[in-house]
PDB file of N, CA and C in Angstrom:
ATOM      1  N   UNK A   1      88.911  49.384 164.274  1.00  0.00           N
ATOM      2  CA  UNK A   1      89.315  48.911 162.918  1.00  0.00           C
ATOM      3  C   UNK A   1      88.103  49.102 161.969  1.00  0.00           C
ATOM      4  N   UNK A   2      86.791  49.251 162.420  1.00  0.00           N
ATOM      5  CA  UNK A   2      85.805  49.568 161.482  1.00  0.00           C
ATOM      6  C   UNK A   2      85.946  51.082 161.046  1.00  0.00           C
ATOM      7  N   UNK A   3      86.335  51.990 161.972  1.00  0.00           N
ATOM      8  CA  UNK A   3      86.547  53.373 161.671  1.00  0.00           C
ATOM      9  C   UNK A   3      87.725  53.550 160.725  1.00  0.00           C
ATOM     10  N   UNK A   4      88.734  52.604 160.940  1.00  0.00           N
ATOM     11  CA  UNK A   4      89.864  52.731 159.963  1.00  0.00           C
ATOM     12  C   UNK A   4      89.465  52.354 158.625  1.00  0.00           C
ATOM     13  N   UNK A   5      88.759  51.117 158.522  1.00  0.00           N
ATOM     14  CA  UNK A   5      88.285  50.725 157.275  1.00  0.00           C
ATOM     15  C   UNK A   5      87.226  51.702 156.689  1.00  0.00           C
ATOM     16  N   UNK A   6      86.459  52.317 157.257  1.00  0.00           N
ATOM     17  CA  UNK A   6      85.432  53.328 156.845  1.00  0.00           C
ATOM     18  C   UNK A   6      86.349  54.511 156.314  1.00  0.00           C
ATOM     19  N   UNK A   7      87.282  54.952 157.099  1.00  0.00           N
ATOM     20  CA  UNK A   7      88.095  56.006 156.614  1.00  0.00           C
ATOM     21  C   UNK A   7      88.903  55.801 155.334  1.00  0.00           C
ATOM     22  N   UNK A   8      89.515  54.556 155.168  1.00  0.00           N
ATOM     23  CA  UNK A   8      90.191  54.273 153.950  1.00  0.00           C
ATOM     24  C   UNK A   8      89.213  54.112 152.871  1.00  0.00           C
ATOM     25  N   UNK A   9      88.125  53.398 152.965  1.00  0.00           N
ATOM     26  CA  UNK A   9      87.178  53.343 151.929  1.00  0.00           C
ATOM     27  C   UNK A   9      86.627  54.676 151.399  1.00  0.00           C
ATOM     28  N   UNK A  10      86.330  55.587 152.365  1.00  0.00           N
ATOM     29  CA  UNK A  10      85.918  57.019 152.144  1.00  0.00           C
ATOM     30  C   UNK A  10      87.004  57.719 151.298  1.00  0.00           C
ATOM     31  N   UNK A  11      88.297  57.551 151.793  1.00  0.00           N
ATOM     32  CA  UNK A  11      89.405  58.189 151.083  1.00  0.00           C
ATOM     33  C   UNK A  11      89.499  57.616 149.825  1.00  0.00           C
ATOM     34  N   UNK A  12      89.407  56.304 149.622  1.00  0.00           N
ATOM     35  CA  UNK A  12      89.568  55.595 148.219  1.00  0.00           C
ATOM     36  C   UNK A  12      88.477  56.212 147.213  1.00  0.00           C
ATOM     37  N   UNK A  13      87.250  56.301 147.787  1.00  0.00           N
ATOM     38  CA  UNK A  13      86.150  56.626 147.005  1.00  0.00           C
ATOM     39  C   UNK A  13      86.448  58.104 146.514  1.00  0.00           C
ATOM     40  N   UNK A  14      86.818  58.897 147.484  1.00  0.00           N
ATOM     41  CA  UNK A  14      87.129  60.426 147.315  1.00  0.00           C
ATOM     42  C   UNK A  14      88.205  60.502 146.186  1.00  0.00           C
ATOM     43  N   UNK A  15      89.181  59.731 146.318  1.00  0.00           N
ATOM     44  CA  UNK A  15      90.195  59.775 145.224  1.00  0.00           C
ATOM     45  C   UNK A  15      89.766  59.216 143.924  1.00  0.00           C
ATOM     46  N   UNK A  16      89.022  58.286 143.910  1.00  0.00           N
ATOM     47  CA  UNK A  16      88.390  57.829 142.576  1.00  0.00           C
ATOM     48  C   UNK A  16      87.512  58.987 142.061  1.00  0.00           C
ATOM     49  N   UNK A  17      86.794  59.444 142.953  1.00  0.00           N
ATOM     50  CA  UNK A  17      85.919  60.487 142.573  1.00  0.00           C
ATOM     51  C   UNK A  17      86.699  61.698 141.901  1.00  0.00           C
ATOM     52  N   UNK A  18      87.763  62.090 142.536  1.00  0.00           N
ATOM     53  CA  UNK A  18      88.658  63.214 142.093  1.00  0.00           C
ATOM     54  C   UNK A  18      89.343  62.721 140.794  1.00  0.00           C
ATOM     55  N   UNK A  19      89.757  61.572 140.636  1.00  0.00           N
ATOM     56  CA  UNK A  19      90.440  61.053 139.362  1.00  0.00           C
ATOM     57  C   UNK A  19      89.458  61.204 138.333  1.00  0.00           C
ATOM     58  N   UNK A  20      88.284  60.658 138.494  1.00  0.00           N
ATOM     59  CA  UNK A  20      87.315  60.649 137.429  1.00  0.00           C
ATOM     60  C   UNK A  20      86.938  62.134 137.009  1.00  0.00           C
ATOM     61  N   UNK A  21      86.634  63.004 137.998  1.00  0.00           N
ATOM     62  CA  UNK A  21      86.444  64.380 137.797  1.00  0.00           C
ATOM     63  C   UNK A  21      87.569  65.030 137.091  1.00  0.00           C
ATOM     64  N   UNK A  22      88.814  64.670 137.325  1.00  0.00           N
ATOM     65  CA  UNK A  22      89.921  65.357 136.663  1.00  0.00           C
ATOM     66  C   UNK A  22      89.996  64.852 135.288  1.00  0.00           C
ATOM     67  N   UNK A  23      89.734  63.608 134.890  1.00  0.00           N
ATOM     68  CA  UNK A  23      89.686  63.095 133.421  1.00  0.00           C
ATOM     69  C   UNK A  23      88.461  63.690 132.817  1.00  0.00           C
ATOM     70  N   UNK A  24      87.362  63.909 133.399  1.00  0.00           N
ATOM     71  CA  UNK A  24      86.287  64.405 132.789  1.00  0.00           C
ATOM     72  C   UNK A  24      86.575  65.997 132.326  1.00  0.00           C
ATOM     73  N   UNK A  25      87.023  66.649 133.287  1.00  0.00           N
ATOM     74  CA  UNK A  25      87.278  68.116 132.988  1.00  0.00           C
ATOM     75  C   UNK A  25      88.411  68.242 131.995  1.00  0.00           C
ATOM     76  N   UNK A  26      89.326  67.396 131.984  1.00  0.00           N
ATOM     77  CA  UNK A  26      90.570  67.383 131.053  1.00  0.00           C
ATOM     78  C   UNK A  26      89.945  67.026 129.679  1.00  0.00           C
ATOM     79  N   UNK A  27      89.066  66.120 129.505  1.00  0.00           N
ATOM     80  CA  UNK A  27      88.509  65.772 128.266  1.00  0.00           C
ATOM     81  C   UNK A  27      87.582  66.899 127.742  1.00  0.00           C
ATOM     82  N   UNK A  28      86.978  67.704 128.645  1.00  0.00           N
ATOM     83  CA  UNK A  28      86.182  68.870 128.296  1.00  0.00           C
ATOM     84  C   UNK A  28      87.198  69.874 127.785  1.00  0.00           C
ATOM     85  N   UNK A  29      88.277  70.084 128.446  1.00  0.00           N
ATOM     86  CA  UNK A  29      89.188  71.267 128.101  1.00  0.00           C
ATOM     87  C   UNK A  29      89.793  70.796 126.810  1.00  0.00           C
ATOM     88  N   UNK A  30      90.102  69.491 126.573  1.00  0.00           N
ATOM     89  CA  UNK A  30      90.784  69.139 125.156  1.00  0.00           C
ATOM     90  C   UNK A  30      89.781  69.444 124.148  1.00  0.00           C
ATOM     91  N   UNK A  31      88.411  69.199 124.380  1.00  0.00           N
ATOM     92  CA  UNK A  31      87.389  69.356 123.339  1.00  0.00           C
ATOM     93  C   UNK A  31      87.323  70.754 123.054  1.00  0.00           C
ATOM     94  N   UNK A  32      87.290  71.662 124.186  1.00  0.00           N
ATOM     95  CA  UNK A  32      87.196  73.166 123.939  1.00  0.00           C
ATOM     96  C   UNK A  32      88.515  73.536 123.240  1.00  0.00           C
ATOM     97  N   UNK A  33      89.663  73.048 123.573  1.00  0.00           N
ATOM     98  CA  UNK A  33      90.825  73.524 122.848  1.00  0.00           C
ATOM     99  C   UNK A  33      90.756  73.168 121.397  1.00  0.00           C
ATOM    100  N   UNK A  34      90.280  71.933 121.150  1.00  0.00           N
ATOM    101  CA  UNK A  34      90.024  71.715 119.594  1.00  0.00           C
ATOM    102  C   UNK A  34      89.035  72.546 118.959  1.00  0.00           C
ATOM    103  N   UNK A  35      87.955  72.843 119.627  1.00  0.00           N
ATOM    104  CA  UNK A  35      86.825  73.733 119.106  1.00  0.00           C
ATOM    105  C   UNK A  35      87.476  75.144 118.953  1.00  0.00           C
ATOM    106  N   UNK A  36      88.268  75.677 119.802  1.00  0.00           N
ATOM    107  CA  UNK A  36      88.991  76.793 119.704  1.00  0.00           C
ATOM    108  C   UNK A  36      89.869  76.860 118.515  1.00  0.00           C
ATOM    109  N   UNK A  37      90.672  75.880 118.272  1.00  0.00           N
ATOM    110  CA  UNK A  37      91.699  75.695 117.266  1.00  0.00           C
ATOM    111  C   UNK A  37      90.809  75.756 115.939  1.00  0.00           C
ATOM    112  N   UNK A  38      89.683  75.035 115.867  1.00  0.00           N
ATOM    113  CA  UNK A  38      88.812  74.967 114.569  1.00  0.00           C
ATOM    114  C   UNK A  38      88.187  76.421 114.342  1.00  0.00           C
ATOM    115  N   UNK A  39      87.862  77.042 115.491  1.00  0.00           N
ATOM    116  CA  UNK A  39      87.336  78.475 115.171  1.00  0.00           C
ATOM    117  C   UNK A  39      88.400  79.252 114.733  1.00  0.00           C
ATOM    118  N   UNK A  40      89.665  79.297 115.323  1.00  0.00           N
ATOM    119  CA  UNK A  40      90.651  80.118 114.808  1.00  0.00           C
ATOM    120  C   UNK A  40      90.892  79.856 113.326  1.00  0.00           C
ATOM    121  N   UNK A  41      90.936  78.716 112.906  1.00  0.00           N
ATOM    122  CA  UNK A  41      91.213  78.330 111.578  1.00  0.00           C
ATOM    123  C   UNK A  41      89.969  78.878 110.632  1.00  0.00           C
ATOM    124  N   UNK A  42      88.841  78.794 111.202  1.00  0.00           N
ATOM    125  CA  UNK A  42      87.709  79.212 110.436  1.00  0.00           C
ATOM    126  C   UNK A  42      87.768  80.686 110.312  1.00  0.00           C
ATOM    127  N   UNK A  43      88.238  81.280 111.360  1.00  0.00           N
ATOM    128  CA  UNK A  43      88.308  82.843 111.274  1.00  0.00           C
ATOM    129  C   UNK A  43      89.334  83.281 110.377  1.00  0.00           C
ATOM    130  N   UNK A  44      90.389  82.470 110.331  1.00  0.00           N
ATOM    131  CA  UNK A  44      91.568  82.870 109.303  1.00  0.00           C
ATOM    132  C   UNK A  44      91.119  82.701 107.993  1.00  0.00           C
ATOM    133  N   UNK A  45      90.439  81.495 107.765  1.00  0.00           N
ATOM    134  CA  UNK A  45      89.873  81.427 106.344  1.00  0.00           C
ATOM    135  C   UNK A  45      88.797  82.552 105.895  1.00  0.00           C
ATOM    136  N   UNK A  46      88.014  82.841 106.831  1.00  0.00           N
ATOM    137  CA  UNK A  46      87.087  84.085 106.662  1.00  0.00           C
ATOM    138  C   UNK A  46      87.849  85.400 106.525  1.00  0.00           C
ATOM    139  N   UNK A  47      88.860  85.682 107.205  1.00  0.00           N
ATOM    140  CA  UNK A  47      89.623  86.825 106.990  1.00  0.00           C
ATOM    141  C   UNK A  47      90.275  86.872 105.487  1.00  0.00           C
ATOM    142  N   UNK A  48      90.876  85.703 105.099  1.00  0.00           N
ATOM    143  CA  UNK A  48      91.446  85.453 103.780  1.00  0.00           C
ATOM    144  C   UNK A  48      90.262  85.830 102.697  1.00  0.00           C
ATOM    145  N   UNK A  49      89.169  85.201 102.900  1.00  0.00           N
ATOM    146  CA  UNK A  49      88.175  85.455 101.951  1.00  0.00           C
ATOM    147  C   UNK A  49      87.713  86.925 101.868  1.00  0.00           C
ATOM    148  N   UNK A  50      87.678  87.538 103.016  1.00  0.00           N
ATOM    149  CA  UNK A  50      87.189  88.879 103.095  1.00  0.00           C
ATOM    150  C   UNK A  50      88.303  89.839 102.376  1.00  0.00           C
ATOM    151  N   UNK A  51      89.568  89.492 102.774  1.00  0.00           N
ATOM    152  CA  UNK A  51      90.530  90.302 102.073  1.00  0.00           C
ATOM    153  C   UNK A  51      90.531  90.076 100.547  1.00  0.00           C
ATOM    154  N   UNK A  52      90.285  88.904 100.000  1.00  0.00           N
ATOM    155  CA  UNK A  52      90.194  88.535  98.735  1.00  0.00           C
ATOM    156  C   UNK A  52      89.068  89.447  98.036  1.00  0.00           C
ATOM    157  N   UNK A  53      87.922  89.261  98.714  1.00  0.00           N
ATOM    158  CA  UNK A  53      86.719  90.028  98.106  1.00  0.00           C
ATOM    159  C   UNK A  53      86.965  91.479  98.088  1.00  0.00           C
ATOM    160  N   UNK A  54      87.651  91.931  99.108  1.00  0.00           N
ATOM    161  CA  UNK A  54      87.822  93.433  99.405  1.00  0.00           C
ATOM    162  C   UNK A  54      88.800  93.852  98.247  1.00  0.00           C
ATOM    163  N   UNK A  55      89.834  93.056  97.956  1.00  0.00           N
ATOM    164  CA  UNK A  55      90.648  93.433  96.644  1.00  0.00           C
ATOM    165  C   UNK A  55      89.794  93.485  95.508  1.00  0.00           C
ATOM    166  N   UNK A  56      89.115  92.408  95.251  1.00  0.00           N
ATOM    167  CA  UNK A  56      88.276  92.443  94.095  1.00  0.00           C
ATOM    168  C   UNK A  56      87.204  93.537  94.032  1.00  0.00           C
ATOM    169  N   UNK A  57      86.653  93.905  95.141  1.00  0.00           N
ATOM    170  CA  UNK A  57      85.736  95.058  95.146  1.00  0.00           C
ATOM    171  C   UNK A  57      86.655  96.326  94.921  1.00  0.00           C
ATOM    172  N   UNK A  58      87.717  96.502  95.314  1.00  0.00           N
ATOM    173  CA  UNK A  58      88.555  97.706  94.986  1.00  0.00           C
ATOM    174  C   UNK A  58      88.893  97.851  93.575  1.00  0.00           C
ATOM    175  N   UNK A  59      89.156  96.625  92.961  1.00  0.00           N
ATOM    176  CA  UNK A  59      89.566  96.502  91.557  1.00  0.00           C
ATOM    177  C   UNK A  59      88.290  96.909  90.763  1.00  0.00           C
ATOM    178  N   UNK A  60      87.100  96.413  91.179  1.00  0.00           N
ATOM    179  CA  UNK A  60      85.948  96.623  90.534  1.00  0.00           C
ATOM    180  C   UNK A  60      85.564  98.200  90.665  1.00  0.00           C
ATOM    181  N   UNK A  61      85.768  98.595  91.695  1.00  0.00           N
ATOM    182  CA  UNK A  61      85.511 100.241  91.846  1.00  0.00           C
ATOM    183  C   UNK A  61      86.436 101.041  90.981  1.00  0.00           C
ATOM    184  N   UNK A  62      87.658 100.535  90.860  1.00  0.00           N
ATOM    185  CA  UNK A  62      88.731 101.238  90.183  1.00  0.00           C
ATOM    186  C   UNK A  62      88.351 101.176  88.736  1.00  0.00           C
ATOM    187  N   UNK A  63      87.910  99.900  88.388  1.00  0.00           N
ATOM    188  CA  UNK A  63      87.369  99.711  86.899  1.00  0.00           C
ATOM    189  C   UNK A  63      86.139 100.526  86.616  1.00  0.00           C
ATOM    190  N   UNK A  64      85.247 100.703  87.597  1.00  0.00           N
ATOM    191  CA  UNK A  64      84.064 101.643  87.384  1.00  0.00           C
ATOM    192  C   UNK A  64      84.432 102.988  87.242  1.00  0.00           C
ATOM    193  N   UNK A  65      85.606 103.522  87.994  1.00  0.00           N
ATOM    194  CA  UNK A  65      86.079 104.960  87.905  1.00  0.00           C
ATOM    195  C   UNK A  65      86.606 105.068  86.411  1.00  0.00           C
ATOM    196  N   UNK A  66      87.400 104.067  86.031  1.00  0.00           N
ATOM    197  CA  UNK A  66      88.049 104.293  84.607  1.00  0.00           C
ATOM    198  C   UNK A  66      86.858 104.263  83.628  1.00  0.00           C
ATOM    199  N   UNK A  67      85.878 103.378  83.731  1.00  0.00           N
ATOM    200  CA  UNK A  67      84.767 103.340  82.810  1.00  0.00           C
ATOM    201  C   UNK A  67      83.992 104.637  82.823  1.00  0.00           C
ATOM    202  N   UNK A  68      83.860 105.140  84.061  1.00  0.00           N
ATOM    203  CA  UNK A  68      83.095 106.511  84.063  1.00  0.00           C
ATOM    204  C   UNK A  68      83.891 107.518  83.474  1.00  0.00           C
ATOM    205  N   UNK A  69      85.173 107.643  83.601  1.00  0.00           N
ATOM    206  CA  UNK A  69      85.915 108.689  82.820  1.00  0.00           C
ATOM    207  C   UNK A  69      85.920 108.469  81.374  1.00  0.00           C
ATOM    208  N   UNK A  70      85.937 107.119  80.763  1.00  0.00           N
ATOM    209  CA  UNK A  70      85.818 106.828  79.506  1.00  0.00           C
ATOM    210  C   UNK A  70      84.509 107.349  78.900  1.00  0.00           C
ATOM    211  N   UNK A  71      83.447 107.000  79.785  1.00  0.00           N
ATOM    212  CA  UNK A  71      82.193 107.497  79.311  1.00  0.00           C
ATOM    213  C   UNK A  71      82.014 108.921  79.188  1.00  0.00           C
ATOM    214  N   UNK A  72      82.463 109.655  80.069  1.00  0.00           N
ATOM    215  CA  UNK A  72      82.536 111.067  80.068  1.00  0.00           C
ATOM    216  C   UNK A  72      83.267 111.526  78.877  1.00  0.00           C
ATOM    217  N   UNK A  73      84.452 110.937  78.488  1.00  0.00           N
ATOM    218  CA  UNK A  73      85.117 111.276  77.329  1.00  0.00           C
ATOM    219  C   UNK A  73      84.323 111.066  76.148  1.00  0.00           C
ATOM    220  N   UNK A  74      83.713 109.811  76.084  1.00  0.00           N
ATOM    221  CA  UNK A  74      82.828 109.527  74.936  1.00  0.00           C
ATOM    222  C   UNK A  74      81.675 110.444  74.768  1.00  0.00           C
ATOM    223  N   UNK A  75      81.064 110.905  75.781  1.00  0.00           N
ATOM    224  CA  UNK A  75      80.031 111.861  75.753  1.00  0.00           C
ATOM    225  C   UNK A  75      80.351 113.116  75.106  1.00  0.00           C
ATOM    226  N   UNK A  76      81.653 113.519  75.475  1.00  0.00           N
ATOM    227  CA  UNK A  76      82.151 114.826  74.922  1.00  0.00           C
ATOM    228  C   UNK A  76      82.446 114.540  73.442  1.00  0.00           C
ATOM    229  N   UNK A  77      83.018 113.462  72.988  1.00  0.00           N
ATOM    230  CA  UNK A  77      83.189 113.124  71.632  1.00  0.00           C
ATOM    231  C   UNK A  77      81.860 113.064  70.819  1.00  0.00           C
ATOM    232  N   UNK A  78      80.823 112.602  71.459  1.00  0.00           N
ATOM    233  CA  UNK A  78      79.561 112.438  70.825  1.00  0.00           C
ATOM    234  C   UNK A  78      78.976 113.924  70.651  1.00  0.00           C
ATOM    235  N   UNK A  79      79.149 114.723  71.656  1.00  0.00           N
ATOM    236  CA  UNK A  79      78.757 116.176  71.409  1.00  0.00           C
ATOM    237  C   UNK A  79      79.476 116.835  70.309  1.00  0.00           C
ATOM    238  N   UNK A  80      80.703 116.633  70.226  1.00  0.00           N
ATOM    239  CA  UNK A  80      81.528 117.294  69.304  1.00  0.00           C
ATOM    240  C   UNK A  80      81.112 116.788  67.844  1.00  0.00           C
ATOM    241  N   UNK A  81      80.826 115.407  67.809  1.00  0.00           N
ATOM    242  CA  UNK A  81      80.534 114.890  66.398  1.00  0.00           C
ATOM    243  C   UNK A  81      79.096 115.450  66.067  1.00  0.00           C
ATOM    244  N   UNK A  82      78.275 115.592  67.060  1.00  0.00           N
ATOM    245  CA  UNK A  82      76.864 116.044  66.740  1.00  0.00           C
ATOM    246  C   UNK A  82      77.042 117.490  66.208  1.00  0.00           C
ATOM    247  N   UNK A  83      77.931 118.239  66.833  1.00  0.00           N
ATOM    248  CA  UNK A  83      78.106 119.654  66.471  1.00  0.00           C
ATOM    249  C   UNK A  83      78.699 119.683  64.883  1.00  0.00           C
ATOM    250  N   UNK A  84      79.698 118.833  64.696  1.00  0.00           N
ATOM    251  CA  UNK A  84      80.287 118.840  63.356  1.00  0.00           C
ATOM    252  C   UNK A  84      79.254 118.322  62.361  1.00  0.00           C
ATOM    253  N   UNK A  85      78.442 117.420  62.737  1.00  0.00           N
ATOM    254  CA  UNK A  85      77.401 116.930  61.834  1.00  0.00           C
ATOM    255  C   UNK A  85      76.393 117.991  61.518  1.00  0.00           C
ATOM    256  N   UNK A  86      76.095 118.811  62.469  1.00  0.00           N
ATOM    257  CA  UNK A  86      75.172 119.932  62.223  1.00  0.00           C
ATOM    258  C   UNK A  86      75.862 120.943  61.374  1.00  0.00           C
ATOM    259  N   UNK A  87      77.061 121.204  61.617  1.00  0.00           N
ATOM    260  CA  UNK A  87      77.833 122.205  60.734  1.00  0.00           C
ATOM    261  C   UNK A  87      77.924 121.600  59.270  1.00  0.00           C
ATOM    262  N   UNK A  88      78.220 120.335  59.165  1.00  0.00           N
ATOM    263  CA  UNK A  88      78.133 119.768  57.915  1.00  0.00           C
ATOM    264  C   UNK A  88      76.878 119.766  57.034  1.00  0.00           C
ATOM    265  N   UNK A  89      75.745 119.436  57.832  1.00  0.00           N
ATOM    266  CA  UNK A  89      74.270 119.743  57.411  1.00  0.00           C
ATOM    267  C   UNK A  89      74.127 121.081  56.749  1.00  0.00           C
ATOM    268  N   UNK A  90      74.533 122.062  57.640  1.00  0.00           N
ATOM    269  CA  UNK A  90      74.273 123.446  57.213  1.00  0.00           C
ATOM    270  C   UNK A  90      75.057 123.856  55.950  1.00  0.00           C
ATOM    271  N   UNK A  91      76.402 123.279  56.015  1.00  0.00           N
ATOM    272  CA  UNK A  91      77.178 123.635  54.818  1.00  0.00           C
ATOM    273  C   UNK A  91      76.646 122.828  53.533  1.00  0.00           C
ATOM    274  N   UNK A  92      76.199 121.541  53.684  1.00  0.00           N
ATOM    275  CA  UNK A  92      75.598 120.911  52.671  1.00  0.00           C
ATOM    276  C   UNK A  92      74.327 121.648  52.057  1.00  0.00           C
ATOM    277  N   UNK A  93      73.557 121.984  52.967  1.00  0.00           N
ATOM    278  CA  UNK A  93      72.371 122.873  52.600  1.00  0.00           C
ATOM    279  C   UNK A  93      72.697 124.084  51.816  1.00  0.00           C
ATOM    280  N   UNK A  94      73.759 124.726  52.261  1.00  0.00           N
ATOM    281  CA  UNK A  94      74.344 126.041  51.568  1.00  0.00           C
ATOM    282  C   UNK A  94      74.819 125.636  50.248  1.00  0.00           C
ATOM    283  N   UNK A  95      75.644 124.608  50.065  1.00  0.00           N
ATOM    284  CA  UNK A  95      76.111 124.179  48.803  1.00  0.00           C
ATOM    285  C   UNK A  95      75.031 123.698  47.791  1.00  0.00           C
ATOM    286  N   UNK A  96      73.939 122.996  48.420  1.00  0.00           N
ATOM    287  CA  UNK A  96      72.796 122.658  47.638  1.00  0.00           C
ATOM    288  C   UNK A  96      72.106 123.940  47.009  1.00  0.00           C
ATOM    289  N   UNK A  97      71.923 124.823  47.876  1.00  0.00           N
ATOM    290  CA  UNK A  97      71.286 126.114  47.550  1.00  0.00           C
ATOM    291  C   UNK A  97      72.032 126.765  46.409  1.00  0.00           C
ATOM    292  N   UNK A  98      73.459 126.819  46.705  1.00  0.00           N
ATOM    293  CA  UNK A  98      74.380 127.469  45.643  1.00  0.00           C
ATOM    294  C   UNK A  98      74.394 126.732  44.343  1.00  0.00           C
ATOM    295  N   UNK A  99      74.335 125.322  44.522  1.00  0.00           N
ATOM    296  CA  UNK A  99      74.313 124.681  43.187  1.00  0.00           C
ATOM    297  C   UNK A  99      72.878 124.923  42.475  1.00  0.00           C
ATOM    298  N   UNK A 100      71.926 124.958  43.221  1.00  0.00           N
ATOM    299  CA  UNK A 100      70.640 125.335  42.588  1.00  0.00           C
ATOM    300  C   UNK A 100      70.711 126.824  41.893  1.00  0.00           C
ATOM    301  N   UNK A 101      71.290 127.665  42.502  1.00  0.00           N
ATOM    302  CA  UNK A 101      71.417 129.132  41.988  1.00  0.00           C
ATOM    303  C   UNK A 101      72.231 129.093  40.752  1.00  0.00           C
ATOM    304  N   UNK A 102      73.206 128.240  40.882  1.00  0.00           N
ATOM    305  CA  UNK A 102      74.223 128.296  39.524  1.00  0.00           C
ATOM    306  C   UNK A 102      73.531 127.492  38.482  1.00  0.00           C
ATOM    307  N   UNK A 103      72.641 126.470  38.863  1.00  0.00           N
ATOM    308  CA  UNK A 103      71.864 125.704  37.774  1.00  0.00           C
ATOM    309  C   UNK A 103      70.924 126.714  37.100  1.00  0.00           C
ATOM    310  N   UNK A 104      70.292 127.519  37.932  1.00  0.00           N
ATOM    311  CA  UNK A 104      69.244 128.459  37.339  1.00  0.00           C
ATOM    312  C   UNK A 104      69.974 129.433  36.449  1.00  0.00           C
ATOM    313  N   UNK A 105      71.124 129.884  36.924  1.00  0.00           N
ATOM    314  CA  UNK A 105      71.949 130.888  36.096  1.00  0.00           C
ATOM    315  C   UNK A 105      72.186 130.261  34.776  1.00  0.00           C
ATOM    316  N   UNK A 106      72.719 128.967  34.837  1.00  0.00           N
ATOM    317  CA  UNK A 106      73.196 128.374  33.610  1.00  0.00           C
ATOM    318  C   UNK A 106      71.905 128.175  32.740  1.00  0.00           C
ATOM    319  N   UNK A 107      70.797 127.830  33.220  1.00  0.00           N
ATOM    320  CA  UNK A 107      69.537 127.568  32.379  1.00  0.00           C
ATOM    321  C   UNK A 107      69.291 128.971  31.847  1.00  0.00           C
ATOM    322  N   UNK A 108      69.340 130.004  32.549  1.00  0.00           N
ATOM    323  CA  UNK A 108      68.862 131.335  32.138  1.00  0.00           C
ATOM    324  C   UNK A 108      69.767 131.818  31.046  1.00  0.00           C
ATOM    325  N   UNK A 109      71.093 131.400  31.062  1.00  0.00           N
ATOM    326  CA  UNK A 109      72.102 131.734  30.001  1.00  0.00           C
ATOM    327  C   UNK A 109      71.857 130.943  28.824  1.00  0.00           C
ATOM    328  N   UNK A 110      71.238 129.732  28.795  1.00  0.00           N
ATOM    329  CA  UNK A 110      71.103 128.982  27.750  1.00  0.00           C
ATOM    330  C   UNK A 110      69.653 129.336  27.178  1.00  0.00           C
TER     331      UNK A 110
END
């Protein structure tokens, strides 16, 4: 009878130990699952932000390319305007010299 009682008590303690252990590991598994879900959501949010910033970066790089092209075109325009200005200065100097010559001729005729 003592052996039977000892066996039943040991069996009950073993069953209780296994039940407690099962609940403990199940709670750990649930916690890990929640952490995993939160991590997945965080990664998805991070991917969305990365895509958003990548699109903004691509737009900015495209804008930079456009601005570079416009800057190059404006540099060419500035060069041509400088050349025209130089030509106009030369022509103005020639016209001033011609005017002086004509004024001298007029004075000599008077």
